[in-house]
Amino acid sequence: MSLLHPSVHSLDSIRKPVEEELKKFDGVFRDSMRSQVALVDVVTRYILRQKGKRVRPLLVMLSAKLCGEVNESTYRAATLIELLHTATLVHDDVVDDADTRRGLASINAVWKNKVAVLMGDYLLSRGLLLSLQYSDHYFLNSTSYAVKRMSEGELLQIQKSRQLNIDEETYIKIISDKTGSLLSACTDIGAASTTHDQEKRNLLKAYGENIGLAFQIRDDLLDYLGRKSILGKSTGSDIKEKKLTLPLIYALKNSNRREATQALRFIKKGARQKEIGWVLDFVRHNGGIEYSSLKAEEFAARANTSLGSFPDSPVKQSLLHFVSFVLERSS
């Protein structure tokens, strides 16, 4: 059976080889956010209620265990990544003026923007101080580079979205910086916590980068295929927000000029529901769905290839199954 198309694997089954380590991580992460300021503790307790899938600590733990034995520096690596990720989510909600996060009111909706921005800064500083306290300079280098790339990717996307002229090469650059950078940092510092073998670190870093690209293309595809949510399946939010992602980029390039111009006209002026439906059909009829699916599989295959030289083990199987999970997820 192809590694890209096994039966669907749940995150629960993928977590199995590091289940105990992830339970311990939850406590370490909670302790890392403590403060002597009452408001900070109130907000951090609220953040902990918004518990996500913990994908990034999972990747840190699996990468570490593939190369050696999980240790205290592994927990610090996972905590640094999750603090950084949480800080960016809090800041993103301010930038996007979002009202909710994971089914709960966002920090900015409850405590307003000033508290949200300062909380994001606090979480980032806690991660930095944790690494400095233990001289985890490799972790700091890797994550600082990831933050730089994430910021550049977001700004490049804003610039290009205003101009509505993103080509495939630019799109790949954007998603590599926005999504691939942090996932590659996860697998890089996870491996670095248990091995000094640079080749192993590089292979896992490549795995993380390619998994990030496959993840983001799949995420962008779901906007055209239908994304499962509490309210059913939703489509077209990227079109409403004037985001040009790979399905649309491909369709624009491979359709006749009249239809491409019409699609861009709808998007530029702010597409209504009927026009969103027209753009969705336009993308489907011009091969955007099929092409994007193939590109996601291409990056997924590269991620699997990076694991080829590692001996077979339950941890390696979980990393391979995570690739399948990324390709098959519906939300």
Protein backbone atom coordinates (compact mmCIF):
# COMPACT_ATOMS: atom_id res chain seq x y z
CA MET A 1 0.00 0.00 0.00
CA SER A 2 1.29 3.47 -0.90
CA LEU A 3 2.60 5.54 2.00
CA LEU A 4 0.66 8.49 0.61
CA HIS A 5 -2.70 6.70 0.60
CA PRO A 6 -3.11 4.34 3.57
CA SER A 7 -6.28 4.28 5.61
CA VAL A 8 -6.92 7.53 7.48
CA HIS A 9 -4.76 7.88 10.60
CA SER A 10 -6.01 9.88 13.56
CA LEU A 11 -3.77 12.18 15.57
CA ASP A 12 -4.50 9.97 18.59
CA SER A 13 -2.91 6.96 16.89
CA ILE A 14 0.01 9.07 15.63
CA ARG A 15 0.67 10.29 19.20
CA LYS A 16 0.93 6.75 20.64
CA PRO A 17 4.77 6.42 20.65
CA VAL A 18 5.12 9.72 22.56
CA GLU A 19 1.86 9.73 24.54
CA GLU A 20 3.54 9.83 27.96
CA GLU A 21 6.00 12.51 26.85
CA LEU A 22 3.15 14.73 25.60
CA LYS A 23 1.32 14.39 28.93
CA LYS A 24 4.46 15.56 30.73
CA PHE A 25 4.86 18.37 28.18
CA ASP A 26 1.42 19.78 29.08
CA GLY A 27 2.61 20.36 32.64
CA VAL A 28 5.92 21.87 31.57
CA PHE A 29 4.13 24.19 29.13
CA ARG A 30 1.63 25.30 31.77
CA ASP A 31 4.44 26.07 34.25
CA SER A 32 6.37 28.05 31.63
CA MET A 33 3.54 30.59 31.37
CA ARG A 34 3.23 31.40 35.09
CA SER A 35 3.60 35.00 36.26
CA GLN A 36 3.38 37.02 39.47
CA VAL A 37 0.98 39.39 37.73
CA ALA A 38 -2.60 38.24 38.36
CA LEU A 39 -3.95 39.42 34.97
CA VAL A 40 -1.26 37.46 33.13
CA ASP A 41 -2.22 34.27 34.98
CA VAL A 42 -5.93 34.83 34.28
CA VAL A 43 -5.26 35.23 30.55
CA THR A 44 -2.85 32.26 30.37
CA ARG A 45 -5.42 30.02 32.08
CA TYR A 46 -7.90 31.14 29.43
CA ILE A 47 -5.37 30.39 26.66
CA LEU A 48 -4.88 26.88 28.08
CA ARG A 49 -8.66 26.33 27.79
CA GLN A 50 -8.28 26.94 24.02
CA LYS A 51 -6.08 23.85 23.76
CA GLY A 52 -5.39 22.99 20.13
CA LYS A 53 -4.15 19.78 18.54
CA ARG A 54 -0.59 20.28 19.82
CA VAL A 55 0.77 19.36 16.39
CA ARG A 56 4.02 21.24 16.87
CA PRO A 57 5.04 19.66 20.21
CA LEU A 58 4.05 16.31 18.68
CA LEU A 59 6.51 16.85 15.81
CA VAL A 60 9.23 17.94 18.25
CA MET A 61 8.75 14.79 20.34
CA LEU A 62 8.59 12.37 17.42
CA SER A 63 11.69 13.91 15.79
CA ALA A 64 13.58 13.73 19.08
CA LYS A 65 12.59 10.12 19.72
CA LEU A 66 13.50 9.08 16.17
CA CYS A 67 17.08 10.21 16.87
CA GLY A 68 17.50 9.25 20.54
CA GLU A 69 15.86 9.48 23.96
CA VAL A 70 13.54 12.35 24.89
CA ASN A 71 15.17 14.44 27.63
CA GLU A 72 14.74 17.75 29.45
CA SER A 73 16.06 19.77 26.50
CA THR A 74 13.38 18.14 24.31
CA TYR A 75 10.69 19.48 26.64
CA ARG A 76 12.30 22.92 26.48
CA ALA A 77 12.37 22.74 22.67
CA ALA A 78 8.67 21.81 22.52
CA THR A 79 7.79 24.53 25.04
CA LEU A 80 9.71 27.19 23.09
CA ILE A 81 7.90 26.22 19.89
CA GLU A 82 4.45 26.17 21.51
CA LEU A 83 5.02 29.52 23.28
CA LEU A 84 6.13 31.04 19.99
CA HIS A 85 3.18 29.51 18.11
CA THR A 86 0.69 30.67 20.75
CA ALA A 87 2.14 34.19 20.70
CA THR A 88 1.72 34.39 16.91
CA LEU A 89 -1.92 33.20 17.17
CA VAL A 90 -2.72 35.86 19.78
CA HIS A 91 -1.11 38.54 17.59
CA ASP A 92 -2.81 37.17 14.44
CA ASP A 93 -6.23 37.53 16.07
CA VAL A 94 -5.47 41.20 16.72
CA VAL A 95 -4.30 41.76 13.14
CA ASP A 96 -7.33 39.92 11.72
CA ASP A 97 -9.76 41.47 14.23
CA ALA A 98 -10.92 37.90 14.97
CA ASP A 99 -13.68 37.33 17.53
CA THR A 100 -13.10 33.63 18.18
CA ARG A 101 -10.27 31.13 18.49
CA ARG A 102 -10.92 27.35 18.70
CA GLY A 103 -14.56 27.83 19.62
CA LEU A 104 -13.94 30.39 22.38
CA ALA A 105 -13.86 34.18 22.29
CA SER A 106 -10.39 35.41 21.27
CA ILE A 107 -8.10 37.20 23.74
CA ASN A 108 -8.64 40.53 21.96
CA ALA A 109 -12.43 40.04 22.04
CA VAL A 110 -12.39 39.49 25.83
CA TRP A 111 -9.60 41.83 26.99
CA LYS A 112 -9.19 44.16 23.96
CA ASN A 113 -6.21 44.62 21.66
CA LYS A 114 -3.73 46.18 24.11
CA VAL A 115 -3.84 43.22 26.50
CA ALA A 116 -3.72 40.75 23.59
CA VAL A 117 -0.62 42.36 22.03
CA LEU A 118 1.16 42.51 25.39
CA MET A 119 0.24 38.88 26.15
CA GLY A 120 1.70 37.82 22.81
CA ASP A 121 4.88 39.70 23.70
CA TYR A 122 4.94 38.07 27.15
CA LEU A 123 4.64 34.55 25.72
CA LEU A 124 7.40 35.20 23.19
CA SER A 125 9.70 36.57 25.91
CA ARG A 126 9.05 33.53 28.14
CA GLY A 127 10.19 31.26 25.33
CA LEU A 128 13.32 33.29 24.71
CA LEU A 129 14.21 33.45 28.41
CA LEU A 130 13.70 29.69 28.82
CA SER A 131 16.21 29.01 26.04
CA LEU A 132 18.70 31.57 27.32
CA GLN A 133 18.48 30.18 30.86
CA TYR A 134 19.74 26.81 29.62
CA SER A 135 22.00 28.14 26.83
CA ASP A 136 19.88 26.46 24.14
CA HIS A 137 21.45 28.63 21.46
CA TYR A 138 20.75 26.20 18.62
CA PHE A 139 17.04 26.29 19.49
CA LEU A 140 17.10 30.10 19.52
CA ASN A 141 18.87 30.28 16.16
CA SER A 142 16.43 27.89 14.52
CA THR A 143 13.26 29.51 15.90
CA SER A 144 14.47 33.09 15.34
CA TYR A 145 15.07 32.26 11.68
CA ALA A 146 11.58 30.75 11.52
CA VAL A 147 10.01 33.93 12.99
CA LYS A 148 11.88 36.06 10.44
CA ARG A 149 10.58 33.88 7.60
CA MET A 150 7.03 33.83 8.96
CA SER A 151 6.95 37.64 9.14
CA GLU A 152 8.40 38.02 5.64
CA GLY A 153 5.93 35.48 4.24
CA GLU A 154 2.94 37.29 5.74
CA LEU A 155 4.16 40.67 4.47
CA LEU A 156 4.88 39.31 0.98
CA GLN A 157 1.38 37.83 0.87
CA ILE A 158 -0.17 41.17 1.88
CA GLN A 159 1.87 42.96 -0.79
CA LYS A 160 0.99 40.49 -3.55
CA SER A 161 -2.68 40.17 -2.54
CA ARG A 162 -3.12 43.92 -2.96
CA GLN A 163 -1.68 43.63 -6.46
CA LEU A 164 -3.56 40.37 -7.26
CA ASN A 165 -0.55 39.08 -9.18
CA ILE A 166 0.76 36.02 -7.31
CA ASP A 167 2.33 33.35 -9.51
CA GLU A 168 3.02 29.77 -8.41
CA GLU A 169 6.68 30.41 -7.56
CA THR A 170 5.73 33.33 -5.29
CA TYR A 171 2.94 31.30 -3.71
CA ILE A 172 5.36 28.47 -2.84
CA LYS A 173 7.78 31.03 -1.37
CA ILE A 174 4.97 32.51 0.76
CA ILE A 175 3.70 29.21 2.17
CA SER A 176 7.23 27.92 2.69
CA ASP A 177 7.95 30.98 4.84
CA LYS A 178 4.55 31.15 6.56
CA THR A 179 4.02 27.46 7.34
CA GLY A 180 7.08 25.42 6.35
CA SER A 181 9.44 27.53 8.46
CA LEU A 182 7.87 26.76 11.84
CA LEU A 183 7.27 23.06 11.16
CA SER A 184 10.87 22.67 9.97
CA ALA A 185 12.00 24.39 13.20
CA CYS A 186 9.94 21.82 15.17
CA THR A 187 11.62 18.84 13.56
CA ASP A 188 15.04 20.51 13.49
CA ILE A 189 15.23 21.36 17.20
CA GLY A 190 13.48 18.14 18.16
CA ALA A 191 16.26 16.18 16.48
CA ALA A 192 18.90 18.56 17.87
CA SER A 193 17.71 17.80 21.42
CA THR A 194 18.76 14.14 21.08
CA THR A 195 21.53 13.97 18.46
CA HIS A 196 24.59 15.89 17.28
CA ASP A 197 24.40 14.15 13.88
CA GLN A 198 23.91 17.05 11.46
CA GLU A 199 22.76 14.80 8.63
CA LYS A 200 19.89 13.47 10.74
CA ARG A 201 18.96 17.01 11.77
CA ASN A 202 18.97 18.14 8.13
CA LEU A 203 16.81 15.21 7.03
CA LEU A 204 14.21 15.94 9.70
CA LYS A 205 14.35 19.65 8.96
CA ALA A 206 13.57 18.84 5.31
CA TYR A 207 10.73 16.58 6.47
CA GLY A 208 9.23 19.47 8.46
CA GLU A 209 9.58 21.96 5.60
CA ASN A 210 7.90 19.66 3.09
CA ILE A 211 5.16 18.64 5.51
CA GLY A 212 4.50 22.37 6.01
CA LEU A 213 4.11 22.91 2.26
CA ALA A 214 1.79 19.90 1.89
CA PHE A 215 -0.19 21.05 4.95
CA GLN A 216 -0.74 24.57 3.60
CA ILE A 217 -1.68 23.47 0.08
CA ARG A 218 -4.20 21.02 1.60
CA ASP A 219 -5.51 23.84 3.81
CA ASP A 220 -5.94 26.09 0.77
CA LEU A 221 -7.61 23.26 -1.14
CA LEU A 222 -10.19 22.82 1.62
CA ASP A 223 -11.44 26.32 0.88
CA TYR A 224 -12.53 25.00 -2.54
CA LEU A 225 -13.50 21.46 -1.51
CA GLY A 226 -15.39 22.37 1.66
CA ARG A 227 -14.01 22.60 5.17
CA LYS A 228 -15.79 20.68 7.93
CA SER A 229 -16.86 22.86 10.84
CA ILE A 230 -19.50 23.03 13.55
CA LEU A 231 -21.77 24.70 10.99
CA GLY A 232 -21.19 22.08 8.28
CA LYS A 233 -18.95 22.60 5.25
CA SER A 234 -17.75 26.09 4.43
CA THR A 235 -16.10 27.27 1.21
CA GLY A 236 -14.90 30.47 -0.37
CA SER A 237 -13.45 32.40 2.59
CA ASP A 238 -10.11 32.92 0.77
CA ILE A 239 -12.00 34.35 -2.21
CA LYS A 240 -13.87 36.76 0.10
CA GLU A 241 -10.54 37.82 1.61
CA LYS A 242 -8.99 38.28 -1.87
CA LYS A 243 -6.35 35.60 -1.23
CA LEU A 244 -4.86 34.01 -4.34
CA THR A 245 -3.92 30.44 -3.46
CA LEU A 246 -2.66 27.60 -5.67
CA PRO A 247 -6.04 26.27 -6.97
CA LEU A 248 -6.97 29.74 -8.21
CA ILE A 249 -3.45 30.64 -9.40
CA TYR A 250 -3.35 27.51 -11.57
CA ALA A 251 -6.88 28.09 -12.94
CA LEU A 252 -6.08 31.71 -13.84
CA LYS A 253 -2.97 30.62 -15.73
CA ASN A 254 -4.68 27.75 -17.58
CA SER A 255 -8.02 29.29 -18.58
CA ASN A 256 -9.01 31.61 -21.40
CA ARG A 257 -8.31 35.29 -20.86
CA ARG A 258 -11.97 36.33 -20.72
CA GLU A 259 -12.80 33.95 -17.85
CA ALA A 260 -9.59 34.77 -15.97
CA THR A 261 -10.35 38.50 -16.23
CA GLN A 262 -13.88 37.90 -14.98
CA ALA A 263 -12.65 35.88 -11.99
CA LEU A 264 -10.18 38.61 -11.01
CA ARG A 265 -12.88 41.27 -11.44
CA PHE A 266 -15.19 39.44 -9.04
CA ILE A 267 -12.41 39.02 -6.47
CA LYS A 268 -11.13 42.59 -6.74
CA LYS A 269 -14.52 44.22 -6.12
CA GLY A 270 -15.41 41.86 -3.24
CA ALA A 271 -17.26 38.76 -4.43
CA ARG A 272 -20.81 38.12 -3.22
CA GLN A 273 -22.11 34.58 -2.63
CA LYS A 274 -23.25 34.00 -6.22
CA GLU A 275 -19.93 35.29 -7.57
CA ILE A 276 -17.99 33.15 -5.09
CA GLY A 277 -19.88 30.15 -6.52
CA TRP A 278 -18.85 31.21 -10.02
CA VAL A 279 -15.17 31.42 -9.00
CA LEU A 280 -15.34 28.01 -7.27
CA ASP A 281 -16.73 26.46 -10.48
CA PHE A 282 -14.12 28.31 -12.54
CA VAL A 283 -11.31 26.79 -10.44
CA ARG A 284 -12.80 23.27 -10.65
CA HIS A 285 -13.35 23.41 -14.42
CA ASN A 286 -9.83 24.66 -15.10
CA GLY A 287 -7.93 21.98 -13.20
CA GLY A 288 -7.06 23.93 -10.07
CA ILE A 289 -8.24 21.22 -7.68
CA GLU A 290 -6.46 18.32 -9.39
CA TYR A 291 -3.22 20.23 -9.88
CA SER A 292 -3.09 21.43 -6.26
CA SER A 293 -3.80 17.91 -4.98
CA LEU A 294 -0.86 16.60 -7.02
CA LYS A 295 1.43 19.35 -5.68
CA ALA A 296 0.45 18.51 -2.09
CA GLU A 297 1.24 14.84 -2.79
CA GLU A 298 4.57 15.84 -4.34
CA PHE A 299 5.69 17.64 -1.17
CA ALA A 300 4.31 14.81 0.97
CA ALA A 301 6.40 12.31 -1.02
CA ARG A 302 9.50 14.44 -0.40
CA ALA A 303 8.75 14.42 3.33
CA ASN A 304 8.51 10.62 3.30
CA THR A 305 11.77 10.37 1.34
CA SER A 306 13.56 12.33 4.08
CA LEU A 307 12.74 9.51 6.50
CA GLY A 308 14.06 6.76 4.21
CA SER A 309 17.44 6.25 5.90
CA PHE A 310 16.02 5.93 9.43
CA PRO A 311 15.43 2.35 10.68
CA ASP A 312 11.82 1.25 10.93
CA SER A 313 10.16 1.87 14.31
CA PRO A 314 6.79 2.93 15.74
CA VAL A 315 8.07 6.52 15.83
CA LYS A 316 9.02 6.46 12.15
CA GLN A 317 5.61 4.96 11.32
CA SER A 318 3.93 7.80 13.19
CA LEU A 319 5.88 10.38 11.17
CA LEU A 320 4.88 8.60 7.94
CA HIS A 321 1.27 8.39 9.09
CA PHE A 322 1.34 12.11 9.90
CA VAL A 323 2.06 12.74 6.22
CA SER A 324 -1.10 10.80 5.33
CA PHE A 325 -3.06 12.68 7.99
CA VAL A 326 -2.02 16.00 6.44
CA LEU A 327 -3.19 14.92 2.98
CA GLU A 328 -6.51 13.51 4.14
CA ARG A 329 -7.66 16.01 6.76
CA SER A 330 -10.99 17.73 6.19
CA SER A 331 -10.80 20.59 8.69
